[in-house]
């Protein structure tokens, strides 16, 4: 992080003792470490949210797949008539 960037973005806790160049460099490094830690927390929160959304999508996909099978069975039941002799196992299924 450049010094100008540090001076504009750092809080007062990181700007103490800016007279000494060595202390200023250490404070810049501390500030950068703090910023990286905050970024890691945000990344972890986003990963957690992504995983929760992926689980939700998987559950919805499983529900829709099961619903598709049920709807297909209903469709087959409507297509099967005893007069035509097309009753199959799917048609004799009870709900």
C-alpha atoms as a PDB file:
ATOM      1  CA  UNK A   1       0.000   0.000   0.000  1.00  0.00           C
ATOM      2  CA  UNK A   2       1.380   3.390  -0.956  1.00  0.00           C
ATOM      3  CA  UNK A   3       1.827   6.046   1.705  1.00  0.00           C
ATOM      4  CA  UNK A   4      -0.748   8.397   0.162  1.00  0.00           C
ATOM      5  CA  UNK A   5      -3.294   5.602   0.134  1.00  0.00           C
ATOM      6  CA  UNK A   6      -2.437   4.781   3.725  1.00  0.00           C
ATOM      7  CA  UNK A   7      -2.876   8.385   4.855  1.00  0.00           C
ATOM      8  CA  UNK A   8      -6.287   8.689   3.196  1.00  0.00           C
ATOM      9  CA  UNK A   9      -7.748   5.323   4.198  1.00  0.00           C
ATOM     10  CA  UNK A  10      -6.231   4.541   7.623  1.00  0.00           C
ATOM     11  CA  UNK A  11      -8.015   5.292  10.866  1.00  0.00           C
ATOM     12  CA  UNK A  12      -6.373   7.385  13.586  1.00  0.00           C
ATOM     13  CA  UNK A  13      -5.222   4.302  15.495  1.00  0.00           C
ATOM     14  CA  UNK A  14      -2.852   3.518  12.623  1.00  0.00           C
ATOM     15  CA  UNK A  15      -1.660   7.108  12.097  1.00  0.00           C
ATOM     16  CA  UNK A  16      -0.013   7.624  15.498  1.00  0.00           C
ATOM     17  CA  UNK A  17       3.727   8.452  15.557  1.00  0.00           C
ATOM     18  CA  UNK A  18       4.036   9.254  11.874  1.00  0.00           C
ATOM     19  CA  UNK A  19       7.219  11.251  12.512  1.00  0.00           C
ATOM     20  CA  UNK A  20       9.464   8.177  12.520  1.00  0.00           C
ATOM     21  CA  UNK A  21       9.689   6.522   9.064  1.00  0.00           C
ATOM     22  CA  UNK A  22      10.227   3.091  10.597  1.00  0.00           C
ATOM     23  CA  UNK A  23       7.183   3.435  12.871  1.00  0.00           C
ATOM     24  CA  UNK A  24       5.157   4.746   9.925  1.00  0.00           C
ATOM     25  CA  UNK A  25       6.098   1.682   7.847  1.00  0.00           C
ATOM     26  CA  UNK A  26       5.108  -0.628  10.707  1.00  0.00           C
ATOM     27  CA  UNK A  27       1.787   1.164  11.052  1.00  0.00           C
ATOM     28  CA  UNK A  28       1.191   0.887   7.326  1.00  0.00           C
ATOM     29  CA  UNK A  29       1.862  -2.839   7.560  1.00  0.00           C
ATOM     30  CA  UNK A  30      -0.466  -3.152  10.570  1.00  0.00           C
ATOM     31  CA  UNK A  31      -3.152  -1.287   8.664  1.00  0.00           C
ATOM     32  CA  UNK A  32      -2.705  -3.526   5.627  1.00  0.00           C
ATOM     33  CA  UNK A  33      -2.863  -6.611   7.859  1.00  0.00           C
ATOM     34  CA  UNK A  34      -6.077  -5.296   9.395  1.00  0.00           C
ATOM     35  CA  UNK A  35      -7.578  -4.598   5.947  1.00  0.00           C
ATOM     36  CA  UNK A  36      -6.668  -8.086   4.737  1.00  0.00           C
ATOM     37  CA  UNK A  37      -8.244  -9.609   7.834  1.00  0.00           C
ATOM     38  CA  UNK A  38     -11.474  -7.716   7.154  1.00  0.00           C
ATOM     39  CA  UNK A  39     -11.384  -8.842   3.523  1.00  0.00           C
ATOM     40  CA  UNK A  40     -10.943 -12.472   4.621  1.00  0.00           C
ATOM     41  CA  UNK A  41     -13.965 -12.159   6.918  1.00  0.00           C
ATOM     42  CA  UNK A  42     -16.025 -10.860   4.002  1.00  0.00           C
ATOM     43  CA  UNK A  43     -14.825 -13.680   1.746  1.00  0.00           C
ATOM     44  CA  UNK A  44     -15.719 -16.275   4.394  1.00  0.00           C
ATOM     45  CA  UNK A  45     -19.180 -14.742   4.815  1.00  0.00           C
ATOM     46  CA  UNK A  46     -19.685 -14.839   1.039  1.00  0.00           C
ATOM     47  CA  UNK A  47     -18.570 -18.478   0.893  1.00  0.00           C
ATOM     48  CA  UNK A  48     -21.003 -19.374   3.657  1.00  0.00           C
ATOM     49  CA  UNK A  49     -23.810 -17.601   1.801  1.00  0.00           C
ATOM     50  CA  UNK A  50     -22.826 -19.320  -1.461  1.00  0.00           C
ATOM     51  CA  UNK A  51     -22.903 -22.737   0.208  1.00  0.00           C
ATOM     52  CA  UNK A  52     -26.299 -22.023   1.769  1.00  0.00           C
ATOM     53  CA  UNK A  53     -27.672 -20.913  -1.596  1.00  0.00           C
ATOM     54  CA  UNK A  54     -26.225 -23.997  -3.293  1.00  0.00           C
ATOM     55  CA  UNK A  55     -27.935 -26.223  -0.707  1.00  0.00           C
ATOM     56  CA  UNK A  56     -31.202 -24.362  -1.254  1.00  0.00           C
ATOM     57  CA  UNK A  57     -30.925 -24.762  -5.019  1.00  0.00           C
ATOM     58  CA  UNK A  58     -30.175 -28.479  -4.631  1.00  0.00           C
ATOM     59  CA  UNK A  59     -33.242 -28.951  -2.420  1.00  0.00           C
ATOM     60  CA  UNK A  60     -35.437 -27.071  -4.888  1.00  0.00           C
ATOM     61  CA  UNK A  61     -34.010 -29.068  -7.789  1.00  0.00           C
ATOM     62  CA  UNK A  62     -34.762 -32.339  -5.977  1.00  0.00           C
ATOM     63  CA  UNK A  63     -38.306 -31.157  -5.280  1.00  0.00           C
ATOM     64  CA  UNK A  64     -38.844 -30.213  -8.917  1.00  0.00           C
ATOM     65  CA  UNK A  65     -37.479 -33.549 -10.095  1.00  0.00           C
ATOM     66  CA  UNK A  66     -39.888 -35.382  -7.800  1.00  0.00           C
ATOM     67  CA  UNK A  67     -42.706 -33.123  -8.959  1.00  0.00           C
ATOM     68  CA  UNK A  68     -41.858 -33.864 -12.582  1.00  0.00           C
ATOM     69  CA  UNK A  69     -42.156 -37.595 -11.906  1.00  0.00           C
ATOM     70  CA  UNK A  70     -45.500 -37.091 -10.169  1.00  0.00           C
ATOM     71  CA  UNK A  71     -46.809 -34.946 -13.003  1.00  0.00           C
ATOM     72  CA  UNK A  72     -45.659 -37.506 -15.549  1.00  0.00           C
ATOM     73  CA  UNK A  73     -47.576 -40.198 -13.644  1.00  0.00           C
ATOM     74  CA  UNK A  74     -50.686 -37.991 -13.610  1.00  0.00           C
ATOM     75  CA  UNK A  75     -50.285 -37.457 -17.328  1.00  0.00           C
ATOM     76  CA  UNK A  76     -50.022 -41.221 -17.865  1.00  0.00           C
ATOM     77  CA  UNK A  77     -53.092 -41.806 -15.707  1.00  0.00           C
ATOM     78  CA  UNK A  78     -55.064 -39.380 -17.836  1.00  0.00           C
ATOM     79  CA  UNK A  79     -53.873 -41.025 -21.030  1.00  0.00           C
ATOM     80  CA  UNK A  80     -54.736 -44.543 -19.880  1.00  0.00           C
ATOM     81  CA  UNK A  81     -58.308 -45.696 -20.315  1.00  0.00           C
ATOM     82  CA  UNK A  82     -59.585 -49.145 -19.401  1.00  0.00           C
ATOM     83  CA  UNK A  83     -61.421 -49.381 -22.738  1.00  0.00           C
ATOM     84  CA  UNK A  84     -58.193 -49.114 -24.695  1.00  0.00           C
ATOM     85  CA  UNK A  85     -56.447 -51.711 -22.568  1.00  0.00           C
ATOM     86  CA  UNK A  86     -53.487 -49.407 -21.961  1.00  0.00           C
ATOM     87  CA  UNK A  87     -53.477 -49.651 -18.181  1.00  0.00           C
ATOM     88  CA  UNK A  88     -49.938 -50.154 -17.003  1.00  0.00           C
ATOM     89  CA  UNK A  89     -48.231 -50.222 -13.625  1.00  0.00           C
ATOM     90  CA  UNK A  90     -47.935 -46.446 -13.717  1.00  0.00           C
ATOM     91  CA  UNK A  91     -51.696 -46.178 -14.298  1.00  0.00           C
ATOM     92  CA  UNK A  92     -52.560 -48.428 -11.382  1.00  0.00           C
ATOM     93  CA  UNK A  93     -50.480 -46.400  -8.958  1.00  0.00           C
ATOM     94  CA  UNK A  94     -52.452 -45.038  -5.976  1.00  0.00           C
ATOM     95  CA  UNK A  95     -51.773 -41.585  -4.558  1.00  0.00           C
END
